[in-house]
Amino acid sequence: MSRNWEGAPPVFICTGWELLADEDKYMARKLHEDGVPVVFEEYEGMPHCFSLILTKTPNAKRCFDVWTGFMKKIITHPDTIDSKAITVKAKTLEEVSLTFESLLSNVSEEDMQQRVLTKKEMSLASAPEAAPKL
């Protein structure tokens, strides 16, 4: 994991209420602290990959609209990306502002690195000898 992301291109992170939410919040906070323009959107009550699975929901449509808008803006006006962090309410799609400082504020860089290493070790220990082909 990089200690410093200064100079990285703008980043868009969308997450639901899922197992990877902590890592997403930490990464958004870290990128912002390192001066990287970052747009973080947390979707209330949504599962992992909700926009790919629940494609006909207003939440998925909104997510894809914002995501594609972000990509277009990076190509046409990369210097105009403003950092922001929000929660998108499940039923109303109302945006609730968050501060980057509040995103997983109780987890240090060392804590997060230890979490990553622990998960890696657990995955390697329980991995099958041969992976199935899909």
N, C-alpha and C. Protein backbone atom coordinates (compact mmCIF):
# COMPACT_ATOMS: atom_id res chain seq x y z
N MET A 1 0.85 -1.17 0.00
CA MET A 1 0.00 0.00 0.00
C MET A 1 0.89 1.23 0.00
N SER A 2 0.63 2.14 -0.90
CA SER A 2 1.45 3.34 -1.01
C SER A 2 1.31 4.21 0.23
N ARG A 3 2.39 4.75 0.68
CA ARG A 3 2.35 5.66 1.83
C ARG A 3 1.88 7.04 1.43
N ASN A 4 2.07 7.40 0.15
CA ASN A 4 1.68 8.74 -0.29
C ASN A 4 1.13 8.67 -1.71
N TRP A 5 -0.06 9.24 -1.90
CA TRP A 5 -0.74 9.20 -3.20
C TRP A 5 -0.67 10.55 -3.91
N GLU A 6 0.14 11.47 -3.41
CA GLU A 6 0.26 12.79 -4.02
C GLU A 6 0.58 12.64 -5.51
N GLY A 7 -0.14 13.40 -6.35
CA GLY A 7 0.09 13.36 -7.78
C GLY A 7 -0.75 12.34 -8.52
N ALA A 8 -1.50 11.53 -7.79
CA ALA A 8 -2.38 10.54 -8.44
C ALA A 8 -3.53 11.27 -9.14
N PRO A 9 -4.11 10.67 -10.17
CA PRO A 9 -5.23 11.30 -10.87
C PRO A 9 -6.48 11.30 -9.98
N PRO A 10 -7.49 12.09 -10.34
CA PRO A 10 -8.73 12.10 -9.57
C PRO A 10 -9.34 10.70 -9.48
N VAL A 11 -10.01 10.44 -8.35
CA VAL A 11 -10.56 9.12 -8.06
C VAL A 11 -12.04 9.22 -7.70
N PHE A 12 -12.83 8.28 -8.22
CA PHE A 12 -14.24 8.16 -7.87
C PHE A 12 -14.42 6.85 -7.12
N ILE A 13 -15.00 6.91 -5.93
CA ILE A 13 -15.26 5.72 -5.13
C ILE A 13 -16.74 5.70 -4.77
N CYS A 14 -17.42 4.62 -5.16
CA CYS A 14 -18.80 4.44 -4.71
C CYS A 14 -18.86 3.12 -3.95
N THR A 15 -19.60 3.13 -2.86
CA THR A 15 -19.68 1.94 -2.01
C THR A 15 -21.07 1.83 -1.41
N GLY A 16 -21.46 0.61 -1.14
CA GLY A 16 -22.71 0.39 -0.41
C GLY A 16 -22.39 0.15 1.05
N TRP A 17 -23.36 -0.38 1.77
CA TRP A 17 -23.12 -0.81 3.14
C TRP A 17 -22.69 -2.26 3.04
N GLU A 18 -21.42 -2.49 2.91
CA GLU A 18 -20.88 -3.79 2.52
C GLU A 18 -19.59 -4.09 3.27
N LEU A 19 -19.05 -5.27 3.04
CA LEU A 19 -17.83 -5.68 3.72
C LEU A 19 -16.63 -4.80 3.38
N LEU A 20 -16.60 -4.25 2.18
CA LEU A 20 -15.45 -3.43 1.77
C LEU A 20 -15.63 -1.95 2.09
N ALA A 21 -16.71 -1.58 2.75
CA ALA A 21 -16.99 -0.17 3.02
C ALA A 21 -15.88 0.48 3.85
N ASP A 22 -15.36 -0.22 4.85
CA ASP A 22 -14.29 0.36 5.67
C ASP A 22 -13.06 0.68 4.83
N GLU A 23 -12.67 -0.25 3.98
CA GLU A 23 -11.50 -0.03 3.13
C GLU A 23 -11.75 1.14 2.17
N ASP A 24 -12.97 1.23 1.63
CA ASP A 24 -13.31 2.33 0.73
C ASP A 24 -13.25 3.68 1.45
N LYS A 25 -13.80 3.73 2.66
CA LYS A 25 -13.78 4.97 3.44
C LYS A 25 -12.35 5.37 3.78
N TYR A 26 -11.56 4.39 4.21
CA TYR A 26 -10.16 4.69 4.54
C TYR A 26 -9.42 5.23 3.32
N MET A 27 -9.61 4.57 2.18
CA MET A 27 -8.91 4.99 0.96
C MET A 27 -9.32 6.39 0.54
N ALA A 28 -10.60 6.70 0.63
CA ALA A 28 -11.07 8.05 0.28
C ALA A 28 -10.43 9.09 1.19
N ARG A 29 -10.40 8.80 2.48
CA ARG A 29 -9.79 9.74 3.43
C ARG A 29 -8.30 9.91 3.15
N LYS A 30 -7.60 8.81 2.91
CA LYS A 30 -6.16 8.85 2.65
C LYS A 30 -5.85 9.63 1.38
N LEU A 31 -6.59 9.37 0.31
CA LEU A 31 -6.38 10.10 -0.94
C LEU A 31 -6.59 11.59 -0.73
N HIS A 32 -7.66 11.94 -0.04
CA HIS A 32 -7.96 13.36 0.22
C HIS A 32 -6.84 14.00 1.04
N GLU A 33 -6.38 13.32 2.08
CA GLU A 33 -5.28 13.83 2.91
C GLU A 33 -4.02 14.06 2.08
N ASP A 34 -3.80 13.24 1.07
CA ASP A 34 -2.61 13.36 0.23
C ASP A 34 -2.79 14.32 -0.94
N GLY A 35 -3.93 15.03 -0.97
CA GLY A 35 -4.14 16.05 -1.99
C GLY A 35 -4.72 15.57 -3.30
N VAL A 36 -5.19 14.34 -3.34
CA VAL A 36 -5.78 13.79 -4.57
C VAL A 36 -7.26 14.18 -4.61
N PRO A 37 -7.74 14.72 -5.73
CA PRO A 37 -9.17 14.98 -5.85
C PRO A 37 -9.93 13.65 -5.80
N VAL A 38 -10.90 13.56 -4.89
CA VAL A 38 -11.65 12.31 -4.73
C VAL A 38 -13.13 12.60 -4.51
N VAL A 39 -13.95 11.85 -5.21
CA VAL A 39 -15.40 11.89 -5.01
C VAL A 39 -15.78 10.56 -4.37
N PHE A 40 -16.32 10.64 -3.15
CA PHE A 40 -16.71 9.45 -2.41
C PHE A 40 -18.22 9.46 -2.22
N GLU A 41 -18.88 8.39 -2.65
CA GLU A 41 -20.32 8.27 -2.49
C GLU A 41 -20.65 6.95 -1.81
N GLU A 42 -21.29 7.06 -0.65
CA GLU A 42 -21.73 5.89 0.11
C GLU A 42 -23.24 5.77 -0.10
N TYR A 43 -23.69 4.62 -0.57
CA TYR A 43 -25.11 4.40 -0.83
C TYR A 43 -25.74 3.62 0.32
N GLU A 44 -26.62 4.30 1.03
CA GLU A 44 -27.29 3.74 2.20
C GLU A 44 -28.02 2.44 1.86
N GLY A 45 -27.75 1.40 2.65
CA GLY A 45 -28.47 0.14 2.54
C GLY A 45 -28.18 -0.70 1.30
N MET A 46 -27.21 -0.31 0.49
CA MET A 46 -26.95 -1.04 -0.76
C MET A 46 -25.86 -2.09 -0.56
N PRO A 47 -26.00 -3.25 -1.23
CA PRO A 47 -25.00 -4.32 -1.13
C PRO A 47 -23.81 -4.07 -2.07
N HIS A 48 -22.81 -4.91 -1.94
CA HIS A 48 -21.63 -4.86 -2.80
C HIS A 48 -22.06 -4.99 -4.27
N CYS A 49 -21.49 -4.17 -5.13
CA CYS A 49 -21.78 -4.18 -6.57
C CYS A 49 -23.26 -3.94 -6.89
N PHE A 50 -23.94 -3.17 -6.04
CA PHE A 50 -25.37 -2.95 -6.23
C PHE A 50 -25.71 -2.37 -7.60
N SER A 51 -24.85 -1.50 -8.12
CA SER A 51 -25.16 -0.85 -9.40
C SER A 51 -25.05 -1.82 -10.58
N LEU A 52 -24.33 -2.92 -10.38
CA LEU A 52 -24.21 -3.94 -11.42
C LEU A 52 -25.27 -5.02 -11.30
N ILE A 53 -25.81 -5.19 -10.10
CA ILE A 53 -26.79 -6.24 -9.84
C ILE A 53 -28.22 -5.71 -9.88
N LEU A 54 -28.43 -4.58 -9.23
CA LEU A 54 -29.78 -4.00 -9.13
C LEU A 54 -29.92 -2.87 -10.15
N THR A 55 -29.70 -3.21 -11.40
CA THR A 55 -29.54 -2.21 -12.47
C THR A 55 -30.76 -1.34 -12.73
N LYS A 56 -31.93 -1.80 -12.36
CA LYS A 56 -33.15 -1.04 -12.65
C LYS A 56 -33.58 -0.13 -11.50
N THR A 57 -32.81 -0.10 -10.43
CA THR A 57 -33.17 0.73 -9.28
C THR A 57 -32.71 2.17 -9.49
N PRO A 58 -33.41 3.12 -8.86
CA PRO A 58 -32.99 4.52 -8.95
C PRO A 58 -31.56 4.73 -8.42
N ASN A 59 -31.18 3.96 -7.40
CA ASN A 59 -29.82 4.09 -6.84
C ASN A 59 -28.76 3.72 -7.87
N ALA A 60 -28.97 2.62 -8.59
CA ALA A 60 -28.01 2.19 -9.60
C ALA A 60 -27.94 3.19 -10.74
N LYS A 61 -29.09 3.68 -11.18
CA LYS A 61 -29.10 4.67 -12.26
C LYS A 61 -28.35 5.92 -11.84
N ARG A 62 -28.61 6.40 -10.63
CA ARG A 62 -27.92 7.58 -10.14
C ARG A 62 -26.42 7.35 -10.07
N CYS A 63 -26.02 6.19 -9.53
CA CYS A 63 -24.61 5.86 -9.41
C CYS A 63 -23.92 5.89 -10.78
N PHE A 64 -24.52 5.23 -11.77
CA PHE A 64 -23.91 5.20 -13.10
C PHE A 64 -23.90 6.59 -13.74
N ASP A 65 -24.94 7.37 -13.54
CA ASP A 65 -24.97 8.73 -14.10
C ASP A 65 -23.83 9.58 -13.53
N VAL A 66 -23.66 9.51 -12.21
CA VAL A 66 -22.59 10.29 -11.57
C VAL A 66 -21.22 9.76 -11.97
N TRP A 67 -21.09 8.46 -12.02
CA TRP A 67 -19.83 7.81 -12.38
C TRP A 67 -19.41 8.19 -13.80
N THR A 68 -20.32 8.07 -14.74
CA THR A 68 -19.99 8.42 -16.13
C THR A 68 -19.74 9.91 -16.27
N GLY A 69 -20.49 10.73 -15.52
CA GLY A 69 -20.23 12.17 -15.53
C GLY A 69 -18.83 12.49 -15.03
N PHE A 70 -18.40 11.77 -14.00
CA PHE A 70 -17.05 11.94 -13.46
C PHE A 70 -16.00 11.59 -14.52
N MET A 71 -16.21 10.48 -15.21
CA MET A 71 -15.24 10.06 -16.25
C MET A 71 -15.18 11.08 -17.39
N LYS A 72 -16.32 11.58 -17.80
CA LYS A 72 -16.34 12.59 -18.87
C LYS A 72 -15.60 13.85 -18.43
N LYS A 73 -15.83 14.25 -17.19
CA LYS A 73 -15.19 15.47 -16.67
C LYS A 73 -13.68 15.30 -16.57
N ILE A 74 -13.22 14.11 -16.22
CA ILE A 74 -11.78 13.86 -16.15
C ILE A 74 -11.13 14.04 -17.52
N ILE A 75 -11.83 13.60 -18.56
CA ILE A 75 -11.29 13.70 -19.92
C ILE A 75 -11.31 15.15 -20.42
N THR A 76 -12.42 15.84 -20.17
CA THR A 76 -12.59 17.18 -20.75
C THR A 76 -12.05 18.30 -19.87
N HIS A 77 -12.20 18.19 -18.56
CA HIS A 77 -11.78 19.26 -17.64
C HIS A 77 -11.20 18.66 -16.35
N PRO A 78 -10.07 17.98 -16.43
CA PRO A 78 -9.55 17.27 -15.25
C PRO A 78 -9.23 18.18 -14.06
N ASP A 79 -8.93 19.44 -14.33
CA ASP A 79 -8.56 20.34 -13.23
C ASP A 79 -9.77 20.89 -12.49
N THR A 80 -10.97 20.53 -12.92
CA THR A 80 -12.17 21.07 -12.27
C THR A 80 -12.85 20.06 -11.35
N ILE A 81 -12.20 18.95 -11.07
CA ILE A 81 -12.78 17.95 -10.16
C ILE A 81 -12.67 18.46 -8.73
N ASP A 82 -13.81 18.61 -8.08
CA ASP A 82 -13.84 19.04 -6.68
C ASP A 82 -14.07 17.83 -5.79
N SER A 83 -13.28 17.73 -4.74
CA SER A 83 -13.46 16.63 -3.80
C SER A 83 -14.76 16.80 -3.03
N LYS A 84 -15.44 15.67 -2.81
CA LYS A 84 -16.62 15.69 -1.95
C LYS A 84 -16.88 14.28 -1.45
N ALA A 85 -17.51 14.22 -0.29
CA ALA A 85 -17.90 12.94 0.31
C ALA A 85 -19.35 13.06 0.73
N ILE A 86 -20.16 12.07 0.32
CA ILE A 86 -21.59 12.10 0.64
C ILE A 86 -22.12 10.71 0.93
N THR A 87 -23.24 10.68 1.63
CA THR A 87 -24.07 9.48 1.72
C THR A 87 -25.30 9.76 0.89
N VAL A 88 -25.72 8.79 0.09
CA VAL A 88 -26.93 8.90 -0.71
C VAL A 88 -28.01 8.07 -0.02
N LYS A 89 -29.08 8.74 0.41
CA LYS A 89 -30.17 8.07 1.12
C LYS A 89 -30.87 7.07 0.20
N ALA A 90 -31.21 5.90 0.73
CA ALA A 90 -31.74 4.79 -0.08
C ALA A 90 -33.06 5.11 -0.75
N LYS A 91 -34.01 5.66 -0.03
CA LYS A 91 -35.35 5.85 -0.59
C LYS A 91 -35.52 7.15 -1.35
N THR A 92 -34.82 8.19 -0.94
CA THR A 92 -35.03 9.52 -1.53
C THR A 92 -33.92 9.97 -2.46
N LEU A 93 -32.77 9.31 -2.41
CA LEU A 93 -31.55 9.69 -3.13
C LEU A 93 -31.02 11.05 -2.67
N GLU A 94 -31.50 11.50 -1.52
CA GLU A 94 -31.00 12.75 -0.95
C GLU A 94 -29.51 12.60 -0.64
N GLU A 95 -28.73 13.64 -0.93
CA GLU A 95 -27.31 13.65 -0.62
C GLU A 95 -27.08 14.26 0.75
N VAL A 96 -26.37 13.55 1.60
CA VAL A 96 -26.01 14.06 2.91
C VAL A 96 -24.49 14.23 2.93
N SER A 97 -24.04 15.45 3.14
CA SER A 97 -22.60 15.74 3.13
C SER A 97 -21.87 15.06 4.28
N LEU A 98 -20.69 14.57 3.97
CA LEU A 98 -19.79 14.00 4.96
C LEU A 98 -18.49 14.78 4.91
N THR A 99 -17.70 14.70 5.96
CA THR A 99 -16.35 15.24 5.90
C THR A 99 -15.40 14.07 5.70
N PHE A 100 -14.33 14.32 4.97
CA PHE A 100 -13.34 13.25 4.78
C PHE A 100 -12.72 12.85 6.11
N GLU A 101 -12.58 13.83 7.00
CA GLU A 101 -11.98 13.55 8.30
C GLU A 101 -12.81 12.56 9.12
N SER A 102 -14.12 12.50 8.85
CA SER A 102 -15.00 11.60 9.60
C SER A 102 -15.00 10.17 9.05
N LEU A 103 -14.44 9.97 7.88
CA LEU A 103 -14.45 8.64 7.26
C LEU A 103 -13.46 7.73 7.96
N LEU A 104 -13.98 6.81 8.73
CA LEU A 104 -13.16 5.83 9.46
C LEU A 104 -12.05 6.52 10.26
N SER A 105 -12.43 7.57 10.96
CA SER A 105 -11.46 8.41 11.67
C SER A 105 -10.74 7.69 12.79
N ASN A 106 -11.29 6.57 13.25
CA ASN A 106 -10.66 5.84 14.35
C ASN A 106 -9.64 4.80 13.88
N VAL A 107 -9.37 4.75 12.57
CA VAL A 107 -8.43 3.77 12.03
C VAL A 107 -7.20 4.48 11.47
N SER A 108 -6.04 4.12 11.99
CA SER A 108 -4.79 4.71 11.52
C SER A 108 -4.27 3.97 10.29
N GLU A 109 -3.27 4.54 9.66
CA GLU A 109 -2.65 3.89 8.50
C GLU A 109 -2.07 2.53 8.90
N GLU A 110 -1.45 2.47 10.06
CA GLU A 110 -0.87 1.22 10.53
C GLU A 110 -1.96 0.17 10.78
N ASP A 111 -3.09 0.61 11.37
CA ASP A 111 -4.21 -0.31 11.60
C ASP A 111 -4.71 -0.89 10.28
N MET A 112 -4.88 -0.03 9.28
CA MET A 112 -5.41 -0.50 8.00
C MET A 112 -4.42 -1.45 7.32
N GLN A 113 -3.14 -1.13 7.37
CA GLN A 113 -2.15 -2.02 6.78
C GLN A 113 -2.17 -3.38 7.47
N GLN A 114 -2.33 -3.39 8.78
CA GLN A 114 -2.40 -4.66 9.51
C GLN A 114 -3.64 -5.44 9.12
N ARG A 115 -4.78 -4.76 8.93
CA ARG A 115 -6.00 -5.43 8.48
C ARG A 115 -5.78 -6.10 7.12
N VAL A 116 -5.14 -5.37 6.21
CA VAL A 116 -4.90 -5.89 4.87
C VAL A 116 -4.00 -7.12 4.94
N LEU A 117 -2.92 -7.03 5.70
CA LEU A 117 -1.99 -8.16 5.82
C LEU A 117 -2.66 -9.37 6.47
N THR A 118 -3.48 -9.13 7.48
CA THR A 118 -4.19 -10.23 8.15
C THR A 118 -5.15 -10.92 7.19
N LYS A 119 -5.90 -10.13 6.42
CA LYS A 119 -6.83 -10.72 5.45
C LYS A 119 -6.07 -11.50 4.38
N LYS A 120 -4.92 -10.97 3.97
CA LYS A 120 -4.10 -11.67 2.97
C LYS A 120 -3.64 -13.02 3.51
N GLU A 121 -3.14 -13.02 4.73
CA GLU A 121 -2.67 -14.27 5.34
C GLU A 121 -3.80 -15.27 5.49
N MET A 122 -4.99 -14.80 5.89
CA MET A 122 -6.14 -15.69 6.04
C MET A 122 -6.55 -16.27 4.69
N SER A 123 -6.50 -15.45 3.66
CA SER A 123 -6.88 -15.91 2.32
C SER A 123 -5.90 -16.96 1.81
N LEU A 124 -4.62 -16.72 2.02
CA LEU A 124 -3.61 -17.67 1.56
C LEU A 124 -3.71 -18.99 2.31
N ALA A 125 -4.01 -18.92 3.60
CA ALA A 125 -4.10 -20.13 4.41
C ALA A 125 -5.30 -20.99 4.04
N SER A 126 -6.37 -20.36 3.59
CA SER A 126 -7.59 -21.12 3.28
C SER A 126 -7.81 -21.33 1.78
N ALA A 127 -6.86 -20.90 0.97
CA ALA A 127 -7.02 -21.04 -0.48
C ALA A 127 -6.89 -22.50 -0.91
N PRO A 128 -7.74 -22.93 -1.85
CA PRO A 128 -7.61 -24.30 -2.35
C PRO A 128 -6.34 -24.45 -3.18
N GLU A 129 -5.90 -25.67 -3.33
CA GLU A 129 -4.68 -25.91 -4.12
C GLU A 129 -4.89 -25.56 -5.58
N ALA A 130 -6.07 -25.80 -6.08
CA ALA A 130 -6.38 -25.47 -7.47
C ALA A 130 -7.67 -24.66 -7.51
N ALA A 131 -7.64 -23.58 -8.25
CA ALA A 131 -8.83 -22.73 -8.36
C ALA A 131 -9.73 -23.26 -9.48
N PRO A 132 -11.05 -23.17 -9.30
CA PRO A 132 -11.95 -23.62 -10.37
C PRO A 132 -11.85 -22.70 -11.57
N LYS A 133 -12.11 -23.27 -12.74
CA LYS A 133 -12.14 -22.46 -13.97
C LYS A 133 -13.58 -22.07 -14.23
N LEU A 134 -13.77 -20.83 -14.57
CA LEU A 134 -15.12 -20.35 -14.87
C LEU A 134 -15.33 -20.20 -16.35
